[in-house]
Amino acid sequence: MTPIKTEHPYIVKVPGVRGGKPIIAGTRIPIWLLIANWKQGCSPEEILEHYPQLTLAQLYDALSYYYDHPDEIEAQIREHDLSEDELTRLQAQWPPRSST
């Protein structure tokens, strides 16, 4: 599948990957999951411990995307209704991958 570029350099949407929701380019990591980590109090450095192949620039671009599209990302977070236990489970279920 061909990635659909967004106005953010590290964020793409790929039909058939994570439901076509925004992800970090070259991975399957959804933006909403990174933002859910951040909203639950994880620092950028802590988030990168869970997703070590990401760069700080990619993570900050995810935050920037969130601030440009808060309704979209908030809806995706609500769709998954994450508690801290659920977030931990998802981090284990959706480990970083190097390709879409």
PDB file of N, CA and C in Angstrom:
ATOM      1  N   MET A   1       0.824  -1.180   0.000  1.00  0.00           N
ATOM      2  CA  MET A   1       0.000   0.000   0.000  1.00  0.00           C
ATOM      3  C   MET A   1       0.877   1.257   0.000  1.00  0.00           C
ATOM      4  N   THR A   2       0.447   2.236  -0.720  1.00  0.00           N
ATOM      5  CA  THR A   2       1.179   3.480  -0.806  1.00  0.00           C
ATOM      6  C   THR A   2       0.773   4.414   0.332  1.00  0.00           C
ATOM      7  N   PRO A   3       1.750   4.901   1.116  1.00  0.00           N
ATOM      8  CA  PRO A   3       1.418   5.832   2.189  1.00  0.00           C
ATOM      9  C   PRO A   3       0.839   7.141   1.644  1.00  0.00           C
ATOM     10  N   ILE A   4      -0.117   7.675   2.351  1.00  0.00           N
ATOM     11  CA  ILE A   4      -0.675   8.988   2.030  1.00  0.00           C
ATOM     12  C   ILE A   4       0.008   9.987   2.952  1.00  0.00           C
ATOM     13  N   LYS A   5       0.734  10.925   2.352  1.00  0.00           N
ATOM     14  CA  LYS A   5       1.463  11.915   3.138  1.00  0.00           C
ATOM     15  C   LYS A   5       0.496  12.883   3.803  1.00  0.00           C
ATOM     16  N   THR A   6       0.911  13.421   4.928  1.00  0.00           N
ATOM     17  CA  THR A   6       0.170  14.470   5.624  1.00  0.00           C
ATOM     18  C   THR A   6       1.024  15.728   5.587  1.00  0.00           C
ATOM     19  N   GLU A   7       0.545  16.786   6.212  1.00  0.00           N
ATOM     20  CA  GLU A   7       1.326  18.016   6.273  1.00  0.00           C
ATOM     21  C   GLU A   7       2.483  17.911   7.267  1.00  0.00           C
ATOM     22  N   HIS A   8       2.593  16.766   7.932  1.00  0.00           N
ATOM     23  CA  HIS A   8       3.658  16.518   8.902  1.00  0.00           C
ATOM     24  C   HIS A   8       4.654  15.530   8.296  1.00  0.00           C
ATOM     25  N   PRO A   9       5.941  15.838   8.340  1.00  0.00           N
ATOM     26  CA  PRO A   9       6.921  15.024   7.617  1.00  0.00           C
ATOM     27  C   PRO A   9       7.049  13.580   8.080  1.00  0.00           C
ATOM     28  N   TYR A  10       6.746  13.294   9.343  1.00  0.00           N
ATOM     29  CA  TYR A  10       6.913  11.939   9.856  1.00  0.00           C
ATOM     30  C   TYR A  10       5.596  11.172   9.988  1.00  0.00           C
ATOM     31  N   ILE A  11       4.495  11.768   9.595  1.00  0.00           N
ATOM     32  CA  ILE A  11       3.174  11.167   9.785  1.00  0.00           C
ATOM     33  C   ILE A  11       2.557  10.831   8.435  1.00  0.00           C
ATOM     34  N   VAL A  12       2.087   9.590   8.308  1.00  0.00           N
ATOM     35  CA  VAL A  12       1.403   9.139   7.093  1.00  0.00           C
ATOM     36  C   VAL A  12       0.142   8.380   7.476  1.00  0.00           C
ATOM     37  N   LYS A  13      -0.708   8.179   6.488  1.00  0.00           N
ATOM     38  CA  LYS A  13      -1.861   7.293   6.612  1.00  0.00           C
ATOM     39  C   LYS A  13      -1.707   6.262   5.503  1.00  0.00           C
ATOM     40  N   VAL A  14      -1.864   4.994   5.862  1.00  0.00           N
ATOM     41  CA  VAL A  14      -1.700   3.922   4.893  1.00  0.00           C
ATOM     42  C   VAL A  14      -2.987   3.095   4.886  1.00  0.00           C
ATOM     43  N   PRO A  15      -3.708   3.113   3.777  1.00  0.00           N
ATOM     44  CA  PRO A  15      -4.916   2.294   3.716  1.00  0.00           C
ATOM     45  C   PRO A  15      -4.589   0.837   4.065  1.00  0.00           C
ATOM     46  N   GLY A  16      -5.374   0.265   4.965  1.00  0.00           N
ATOM     47  CA  GLY A  16      -5.156  -1.118   5.358  1.00  0.00           C
ATOM     48  C   GLY A  16      -4.189  -1.305   6.512  1.00  0.00           C
ATOM     49  N   VAL A  17      -3.549  -0.247   6.972  1.00  0.00           N
ATOM     50  CA  VAL A  17      -2.645  -0.329   8.120  1.00  0.00           C
ATOM     51  C   VAL A  17      -3.243   0.500   9.243  1.00  0.00           C
ATOM     52  N   ARG A  18      -3.518  -0.168  10.362  1.00  0.00           N
ATOM     53  CA  ARG A  18      -4.119   0.496  11.525  1.00  0.00           C
ATOM     54  C   ARG A  18      -5.390   1.245  11.142  1.00  0.00           C
ATOM     55  N   GLY A  19      -6.140   0.664  10.240  1.00  0.00           N
ATOM     56  CA  GLY A  19      -7.416   1.257   9.841  1.00  0.00           C
ATOM     57  C   GLY A  19      -7.278   2.558   9.077  1.00  0.00           C
ATOM     58  N   GLY A  20      -6.102   2.797   8.508  1.00  0.00           N
ATOM     59  CA  GLY A  20      -5.883   4.037   7.759  1.00  0.00           C
ATOM     60  C   GLY A  20      -5.686   5.252   8.652  1.00  0.00           C
ATOM     61  N   LYS A  21      -5.553   5.011   9.953  1.00  0.00           N
ATOM     62  CA  LYS A  21      -5.327   6.115  10.899  1.00  0.00           C
ATOM     63  C   LYS A  21      -3.870   6.557  10.815  1.00  0.00           C
ATOM     64  N   PRO A  22      -3.576   7.780  11.256  1.00  0.00           N
ATOM     65  CA  PRO A  22      -2.196   8.274  11.141  1.00  0.00           C
ATOM     66  C   PRO A  22      -1.217   7.459  11.985  1.00  0.00           C
ATOM     67  N   ILE A  23      -0.085   7.186  11.371  1.00  0.00           N
ATOM     68  CA  ILE A  23       1.000   6.439  12.006  1.00  0.00           C
ATOM     69  C   ILE A  23       2.321   7.159  11.748  1.00  0.00           C
ATOM     70  N   ILE A  24       3.343   6.759  12.478  1.00  0.00           N
ATOM     71  CA  ILE A  24       4.693   7.240  12.195  1.00  0.00           C
ATOM     72  C   ILE A  24       5.165   6.534  10.922  1.00  0.00           C
ATOM     73  N   ALA A  25       5.630   7.297   9.949  1.00  0.00           N
ATOM     74  CA  ALA A  25       6.096   6.736   8.674  1.00  0.00           C
ATOM     75  C   ALA A  25       7.150   5.661   8.914  1.00  0.00           C
ATOM     76  N   GLY A  26       7.030   4.564   8.172  1.00  0.00           N
ATOM     77  CA  GLY A  26       7.985   3.469   8.280  1.00  0.00           C
ATOM     78  C   GLY A  26       7.722   2.533   9.446  1.00  0.00           C
ATOM     79  N   THR A  27       6.635   2.764  10.180  1.00  0.00           N
ATOM     80  CA  THR A  27       6.269   1.912  11.313  1.00  0.00           C
ATOM     81  C   THR A  27       4.782   1.616  11.234  1.00  0.00           C
ATOM     82  N   ARG A  28       4.305   0.894  12.208  1.00  0.00           N
ATOM     83  CA  ARG A  28       2.870   0.660  12.364  1.00  0.00           C
ATOM     84  C   ARG A  28       2.371   1.320  13.650  1.00  0.00           C
ATOM     85  N   ILE A  29       3.160   2.224  14.201  1.00  0.00           N
ATOM     86  CA  ILE A  29       2.826   2.844  15.486  1.00  0.00           C
ATOM     87  C   ILE A  29       1.822   3.972  15.257  1.00  0.00           C
ATOM     88  N   PRO A  30       0.605   3.820  15.817  1.00  0.00           N
ATOM     89  CA  PRO A  30      -0.406   4.855  15.616  1.00  0.00           C
ATOM     90  C   PRO A  30      -0.134   6.092  16.479  1.00  0.00           C
ATOM     91  N   ILE A  31      -0.454   7.233  15.926  1.00  0.00           N
ATOM     92  CA  ILE A  31      -0.249   8.495  16.641  1.00  0.00           C
ATOM     93  C   ILE A  31      -1.059   8.513  17.927  1.00  0.00           C
ATOM     94  N   TRP A  32      -2.310   8.015  17.863  1.00  0.00           N
ATOM     95  CA  TRP A  32      -3.156   8.062  19.061  1.00  0.00           C
ATOM     96  C   TRP A  32      -2.514   7.320  20.224  1.00  0.00           C
ATOM     97  N   LEU A  33      -1.778   6.240  19.962  1.00  0.00           N
ATOM     98  CA  LEU A  33      -1.156   5.476  21.039  1.00  0.00           C
ATOM     99  C   LEU A  33      -0.024   6.273  21.687  1.00  0.00           C
ATOM    100  N   LEU A  34       0.763   6.966  20.878  1.00  0.00           N
ATOM    101  CA  LEU A  34       1.827   7.813  21.431  1.00  0.00           C
ATOM    102  C   LEU A  34       1.232   8.935  22.262  1.00  0.00           C
ATOM    103  N   ILE A  35       0.163   9.540  21.773  1.00  0.00           N
ATOM    104  CA  ILE A  35      -0.477  10.637  22.497  1.00  0.00           C
ATOM    105  C   ILE A  35      -1.116  10.132  23.786  1.00  0.00           C
ATOM    106  N   ALA A  36      -1.700   8.934  23.744  1.00  0.00           N
ATOM    107  CA  ALA A  36      -2.275   8.357  24.966  1.00  0.00           C
ATOM    108  C   ALA A  36      -1.191   8.167  26.027  1.00  0.00           C
ATOM    109  N   ASN A  37      -0.010   7.709  25.616  1.00  0.00           N
ATOM    110  CA  ASN A  37       1.119   7.599  26.548  1.00  0.00           C
ATOM    111  C   ASN A  37       1.447   8.954  27.143  1.00  0.00           C
ATOM    112  N   TRP A  38       1.550   9.940  26.302  1.00  0.00           N
ATOM    113  CA  TRP A  38       1.912  11.296  26.732  1.00  0.00           C
ATOM    114  C   TRP A  38       0.853  11.872  27.668  1.00  0.00           C
ATOM    115  N   LYS A  39      -0.420  11.676  27.340  1.00  0.00           N
ATOM    116  CA  LYS A  39      -1.505  12.207  28.171  1.00  0.00           C
ATOM    117  C   LYS A  39      -1.591  11.505  29.526  1.00  0.00           C
ATOM    118  N   GLN A  40      -1.067  10.289  29.611  1.00  0.00           N
ATOM    119  CA  GLN A  40      -1.066   9.586  30.891  1.00  0.00           C
ATOM    120  C   GLN A  40       0.180   9.917  31.710  1.00  0.00           C
ATOM    121  N   GLY A  41       0.948  10.890  31.260  1.00  0.00           N
ATOM    122  CA  GLY A  41       2.052  11.396  32.059  1.00  0.00           C
ATOM    123  C   GLY A  41       3.433  10.927  31.677  1.00  0.00           C
ATOM    124  N   CYS A  42       3.559  10.145  30.626  1.00  0.00           N
ATOM    125  CA  CYS A  42       4.893   9.709  30.195  1.00  0.00           C
ATOM    126  C   CYS A  42       5.632  10.881  29.561  1.00  0.00           C
ATOM    127  N   SER A  43       6.881  11.012  29.895  1.00  0.00           N
ATOM    128  CA  SER A  43       7.713  12.025  29.259  1.00  0.00           C
ATOM    129  C   SER A  43       8.091  11.527  27.864  1.00  0.00           C
ATOM    130  N   PRO A  44       8.542  12.427  26.992  1.00  0.00           N
ATOM    131  CA  PRO A  44       9.010  11.966  25.679  1.00  0.00           C
ATOM    132  C   PRO A  44      10.093  10.890  25.792  1.00  0.00           C
ATOM    133  N   GLU A  45      10.985  11.050  26.750  1.00  0.00           N
ATOM    134  CA  GLU A  45      12.055  10.066  26.923  1.00  0.00           C
ATOM    135  C   GLU A  45      11.487   8.704  27.334  1.00  0.00           C
ATOM    136  N   GLU A  46      10.472   8.698  28.201  1.00  0.00           N
ATOM    137  CA  GLU A  46       9.847   7.437  28.609  1.00  0.00           C
ATOM    138  C   GLU A  46       9.133   6.772  27.430  1.00  0.00           C
ATOM    139  N   ILE A  47       8.476   7.572  26.614  1.00  0.00           N
ATOM    140  CA  ILE A  47       7.798   7.022  25.435  1.00  0.00           C
ATOM    141  C   ILE A  47       8.815   6.380  24.503  1.00  0.00           C
ATOM    142  N   LEU A  48       9.952   7.038  24.328  1.00  0.00           N
ATOM    143  CA  LEU A  48      10.986   6.487  23.455  1.00  0.00           C
ATOM    144  C   LEU A  48      11.585   5.199  24.018  1.00  0.00           C
ATOM    145  N   GLU A  49      11.504   4.991  25.334  1.00  0.00           N
ATOM    146  CA  GLU A  49      11.944   3.719  25.909  1.00  0.00           C
ATOM    147  C   GLU A  49      11.049   2.583  25.423  1.00  0.00           C
ATOM    148  N   HIS A  50       9.748   2.856  25.261  1.00  0.00           N
ATOM    149  CA  HIS A  50       8.803   1.849  24.765  1.00  0.00           C
ATOM    150  C   HIS A  50       8.944   1.650  23.256  1.00  0.00           C
ATOM    151  N   TYR A  51       9.346   2.693  22.557  1.00  0.00           N
ATOM    152  CA  TYR A  51       9.453   2.665  21.093  1.00  0.00           C
ATOM    153  C   TYR A  51      10.838   3.172  20.694  1.00  0.00           C
ATOM    154  N   PRO A  52      11.882   2.383  20.977  1.00  0.00           N
ATOM    155  CA  PRO A  52      13.259   2.870  20.810  1.00  0.00           C
ATOM    156  C   PRO A  52      13.675   3.179  19.388  1.00  0.00           C
ATOM    157  N   GLN A  53      12.957   2.666  18.378  1.00  0.00           N
ATOM    158  CA  GLN A  53      13.385   2.990  17.020  1.00  0.00           C
ATOM    159  C   GLN A  53      12.876   4.359  16.582  1.00  0.00           C
ATOM    160  N   LEU A  54      12.011   4.977  17.381  1.00  0.00           N
ATOM    161  CA  LEU A  54      11.550   6.330  17.047  1.00  0.00           C
ATOM    162  C   LEU A  54      12.599   7.355  17.454  1.00  0.00           C
ATOM    163  N   THR A  55      12.590   8.453  16.753  1.00  0.00           N
ATOM    164  CA  THR A  55      13.451   9.570  17.131  1.00  0.00           C
ATOM    165  C   THR A  55      12.622  10.593  17.890  1.00  0.00           C
ATOM    166  N   LEU A  56      13.304  11.460  18.581  1.00  0.00           N
ATOM    167  CA  LEU A  56      12.611  12.534  19.289  1.00  0.00           C
ATOM    168  C   LEU A  56      11.861  13.422  18.296  1.00  0.00           C
ATOM    169  N   ALA A  57      12.434  13.635  17.126  1.00  0.00           N
ATOM    170  CA  ALA A  57      11.769  14.442  16.092  1.00  0.00           C
ATOM    171  C   ALA A  57      10.453  13.797  15.664  1.00  0.00           C
ATOM    172  N   GLN A  58      10.438  12.476  15.501  1.00  0.00           N
ATOM    173  CA  GLN A  58       9.201  11.793  15.128  1.00  0.00           C
ATOM    174  C   GLN A  58       8.144  11.934  16.219  1.00  0.00           C
ATOM    175  N   LEU A  59       8.565  11.786  17.463  1.00  0.00           N
ATOM    176  CA  LEU A  59       7.620  11.917  18.571  1.00  0.00           C
ATOM    177  C   LEU A  59       7.065  13.335  18.656  1.00  0.00           C
ATOM    178  N   TYR A  60       7.918  14.328  18.523  1.00  0.00           N
ATOM    179  CA  TYR A  60       7.428  15.705  18.564  1.00  0.00           C
ATOM    180  C   TYR A  60       6.541  16.019  17.364  1.00  0.00           C
ATOM    181  N   ASP A  61       6.791  15.382  16.237  1.00  0.00           N
ATOM    182  CA  ASP A  61       5.895  15.568  15.091  1.00  0.00           C
ATOM    183  C   ASP A  61       4.533  14.942  15.393  1.00  0.00           C
ATOM    184  N   ALA A  62       4.518  13.823  16.110  1.00  0.00           N
ATOM    185  CA  ALA A  62       3.250  13.212  16.526  1.00  0.00           C
ATOM    186  C   ALA A  62       2.486  14.164  17.450  1.00  0.00           C
ATOM    187  N   LEU A  63       3.193  14.797  18.373  1.00  0.00           N
ATOM    188  CA  LEU A  63       2.554  15.782  19.252  1.00  0.00           C
ATOM    189  C   LEU A  63       2.020  16.967  18.447  1.00  0.00           C
ATOM    190  N   SER A  64       2.802  17.416  17.481  1.00  0.00           N
ATOM    191  CA  SER A  64       2.372  18.515  16.623  1.00  0.00           C
ATOM    192  C   SER A  64       1.133  18.125  15.824  1.00  0.00           C
ATOM    193  N   TYR A  65       1.124  16.904  15.309  1.00  0.00           N
ATOM    194  CA  TYR A  65      -0.041  16.418  14.571  1.00  0.00           C
ATOM    195  C   TYR A  65      -1.258  16.432  15.480  1.00  0.00           C
ATOM    196  N   TYR A  66      -1.086  15.977  16.707  1.00  0.00           N
ATOM    197  CA  TYR A  66      -2.188  15.977  17.682  1.00  0.00           C
ATOM    198  C   TYR A  66      -2.741  17.388  17.883  1.00  0.00           C
ATOM    199  N   TYR A  67      -1.859  18.356  18.056  1.00  0.00           N
ATOM    200  CA  TYR A  67      -2.331  19.727  18.279  1.00  0.00           C
ATOM    201  C   TYR A  67      -2.990  20.319  17.031  1.00  0.00           C
ATOM    202  N   ASP A  68      -2.615  19.844  15.854  1.00  0.00           N
ATOM    203  CA  ASP A  68      -3.281  20.277  14.625  1.00  0.00           C
ATOM    204  C   ASP A  68      -4.601  19.545  14.386  1.00  0.00           C
ATOM    205  N   HIS A  69      -4.735  18.341  14.958  1.00  0.00           N
ATOM    206  CA  HIS A  69      -5.913  17.486  14.718  1.00  0.00           C
ATOM    207  C   HIS A  69      -6.428  16.883  16.029  1.00  0.00           C
ATOM    208  N   PRO A  70      -6.693  17.714  17.042  1.00  0.00           N
ATOM    209  CA  PRO A  70      -7.062  17.153  18.351  1.00  0.00           C
ATOM    210  C   PRO A  70      -8.345  16.325  18.325  1.00  0.00           C
ATOM    211  N   ASP A  71      -9.351  16.764  17.583  1.00  0.00           N
ATOM    212  CA  ASP A  71     -10.613  16.020  17.572  1.00  0.00           C
ATOM    213  C   ASP A  71     -10.427  14.612  16.994  1.00  0.00           C
ATOM    214  N   GLU A  72      -9.651  14.516  15.926  1.00  0.00           N
ATOM    215  CA  GLU A  72      -9.391  13.222  15.291  1.00  0.00           C
ATOM    216  C   GLU A  72      -8.692  12.267  16.262  1.00  0.00           C
ATOM    217  N   ILE A  73      -7.635  12.747  16.907  1.00  0.00           N
ATOM    218  CA  ILE A  73      -6.846  11.880  17.786  1.00  0.00           C
ATOM    219  C   ILE A  73      -7.600  11.576  19.080  1.00  0.00           C
ATOM    220  N   GLU A  74      -8.299  12.560  19.631  1.00  0.00           N
ATOM    221  CA  GLU A  74      -9.100  12.315  20.845  1.00  0.00           C
ATOM    222  C   GLU A  74     -10.165  11.258  20.571  1.00  0.00           C
ATOM    223  N   ALA A  75     -10.783  11.299  19.405  1.00  0.00           N
ATOM    224  CA  ALA A  75     -11.792  10.295  19.050  1.00  0.00           C
ATOM    225  C   ALA A  75     -11.160   8.907  18.989  1.00  0.00           C
ATOM    226  N   GLN A  76      -9.951   8.809  18.451  1.00  0.00           N
ATOM    227  CA  GLN A  76      -9.274   7.520  18.364  1.00  0.00           C
ATOM    228  C   GLN A  76      -8.897   7.010  19.757  1.00  0.00           C
ATOM    229  N   ILE A  77      -8.484   7.914  20.639  1.00  0.00           N
ATOM    230  CA  ILE A  77      -8.162   7.512  22.016  1.00  0.00           C
ATOM    231  C   ILE A  77      -9.428   7.028  22.714  1.00  0.00           C
ATOM    232  N   ARG A  78     -10.523   7.773  22.580  1.00  0.00           N
ATOM    233  CA  ARG A  78     -11.798   7.360  23.193  1.00  0.00           C
ATOM    234  C   ARG A  78     -12.274   6.026  22.646  1.00  0.00           C
ATOM    235  N   GLU A  79     -12.051   5.827  21.360  1.00  0.00           N
ATOM    236  CA  GLU A  79     -12.438   4.562  20.718  1.00  0.00           C
ATOM    237  C   GLU A  79     -11.781   3.372  21.415  1.00  0.00           C
ATOM    238  N   HIS A  80     -10.596   3.583  21.956  1.00  0.00           N
ATOM    239  CA  HIS A  80      -9.858   2.507  22.608  1.00  0.00           C
ATOM    240  C   HIS A  80      -9.987   2.545  24.129  1.00  0.00           C
ATOM    241  N   ASP A  81     -10.569   3.619  24.687  1.00  0.00           N
ATOM    242  CA  ASP A  81     -10.873   3.740  26.120  1.00  0.00           C
ATOM    243  C   ASP A  81      -9.748   3.182  26.984  1.00  0.00           C
ATOM    244  N   LEU A  82      -8.603   3.826  26.946  1.00  0.00           N
ATOM    245  CA  LEU A  82      -7.413   3.291  27.592  1.00  0.00           C
ATOM    246  C   LEU A  82      -7.303   3.627  29.071  1.00  0.00           C
ATOM    247  N   SER A  83      -7.118   2.607  29.878  1.00  0.00           N
ATOM    248  CA  SER A  83      -6.695   2.764  31.255  1.00  0.00           C
ATOM    249  C   SER A  83      -5.183   2.540  31.254  1.00  0.00           C
ATOM    250  N   GLU A  84      -4.538   2.743  32.392  1.00  0.00           N
ATOM    251  CA  GLU A  84      -3.091   2.490  32.438  1.00  0.00           C
ATOM    252  C   GLU A  84      -2.781   1.031  32.124  1.00  0.00           C
ATOM    253  N   ASP A  85      -3.615   0.112  32.629  1.00  0.00           N
ATOM    254  CA  ASP A  85      -3.396  -1.305  32.346  1.00  0.00           C
ATOM    255  C   ASP A  85      -3.552  -1.602  30.859  1.00  0.00           C
ATOM    256  N   GLU A  86      -4.567  -0.997  30.241  1.00  0.00           N
ATOM    257  CA  GLU A  86      -4.779  -1.194  28.804  1.00  0.00           C
ATOM    258  C   GLU A  86      -3.618  -0.620  28.003  1.00  0.00           C
ATOM    259  N   LEU A  87      -3.138   0.546  28.411  1.00  0.00           N
ATOM    260  CA  LEU A  87      -2.010   1.164  27.715  1.00  0.00           C
ATOM    261  C   LEU A  87      -0.794   0.250  27.767  1.00  0.00           C
ATOM    262  N   THR A  88      -0.524  -0.324  28.934  1.00  0.00           N
ATOM    263  CA  THR A  88       0.602  -1.245  29.078  1.00  0.00           C
ATOM    264  C   THR A  88       0.407  -2.466  28.187  1.00  0.00           C
ATOM    265  N   ARG A  89      -0.816  -2.993  28.148  1.00  0.00           N
ATOM    266  CA  ARG A  89      -1.109  -4.153  27.310  1.00  0.00           C
ATOM    267  C   ARG A  89      -0.884  -3.825  25.834  1.00  0.00           C
ATOM    268  N   LEU A  90      -1.328  -2.631  25.411  1.00  0.00           N
ATOM    269  CA  LEU A  90      -1.156  -2.248  24.014  1.00  0.00           C
ATOM    270  C   LEU A  90       0.301  -2.029  23.656  1.00  0.00           C
ATOM    271  N   GLN A  91       1.065  -1.485  24.590  1.00  0.00           N
ATOM    272  CA  GLN A  91       2.489  -1.301  24.324  1.00  0.00           C
ATOM    273  C   GLN A  91       3.147  -2.648  24.040  1.00  0.00           C
ATOM    274  N   ALA A  92       2.711  -3.673  24.770  1.00  0.00           N
ATOM    275  CA  ALA A  92       3.267  -5.015  24.567  1.00  0.00           C
ATOM    276  C   ALA A  92       2.709  -5.641  23.280  1.00  0.00           C
ATOM    277  N   GLN A  93       1.428  -5.396  22.996  1.00  0.00           N
ATOM    278  CA  GLN A  93       0.781  -5.971  21.826  1.00  0.00           C
ATOM    279  C   GLN A  93       1.275  -5.337  20.533  1.00  0.00           C
ATOM    280  N   TRP A  94       1.521  -4.041  20.550  1.00  0.00           N
ATOM    281  CA  TRP A  94       1.929  -3.318  19.356  1.00  0.00           C
ATOM    282  C   TRP A  94       3.363  -2.854  19.467  1.00  0.00           C
ATOM    283  N   PRO A  95       4.297  -3.795  19.513  1.00  0.00           N
ATOM    284  CA  PRO A  95       5.704  -3.381  19.616  1.00  0.00           C
ATOM    285  C   PRO A  95       6.129  -2.661  18.336  1.00  0.00           C
ATOM    286  N   PRO A  96       7.178  -1.877  18.445  1.00  0.00           N
ATOM    287  CA  PRO A  96       7.668  -1.170  17.256  1.00  0.00           C
ATOM    288  C   PRO A  96       8.030  -2.142  16.152  1.00  0.00           C
ATOM    289  N   ARG A  97       7.724  -1.758  14.935  1.00  0.00           N
ATOM    290  CA  ARG A  97       8.106  -2.549  13.752  1.00  0.00           C
ATOM    291  C   ARG A  97       8.753  -1.607  12.768  1.00  0.00           C
ATOM    292  N   SER A  98       9.608  -2.149  11.945  1.00  0.00           N
ATOM    293  CA  SER A  98      10.364  -1.282  11.049  1.00  0.00           C
ATOM    294  C   SER A  98       9.692  -1.061   9.710  1.00  0.00           C
ATOM    295  N   SER A  99       8.597  -1.770   9.418  1.00  0.00           N
ATOM    296  CA  SER A  99       7.959  -1.550   8.122  1.00  0.00           C
ATOM    297  C   SER A  99       6.454  -1.583   8.266  1.00  0.00           C
ATOM    298  N   THR A 100       5.759  -0.938   7.316  1.00  0.00           N
ATOM    299  CA  THR A 100       4.309  -0.929   7.310  1.00  0.00           C
ATOM    300  C   THR A 100       3.850  -2.104   6.609  1.00  0.00           C
TER     301      THR A 100
END
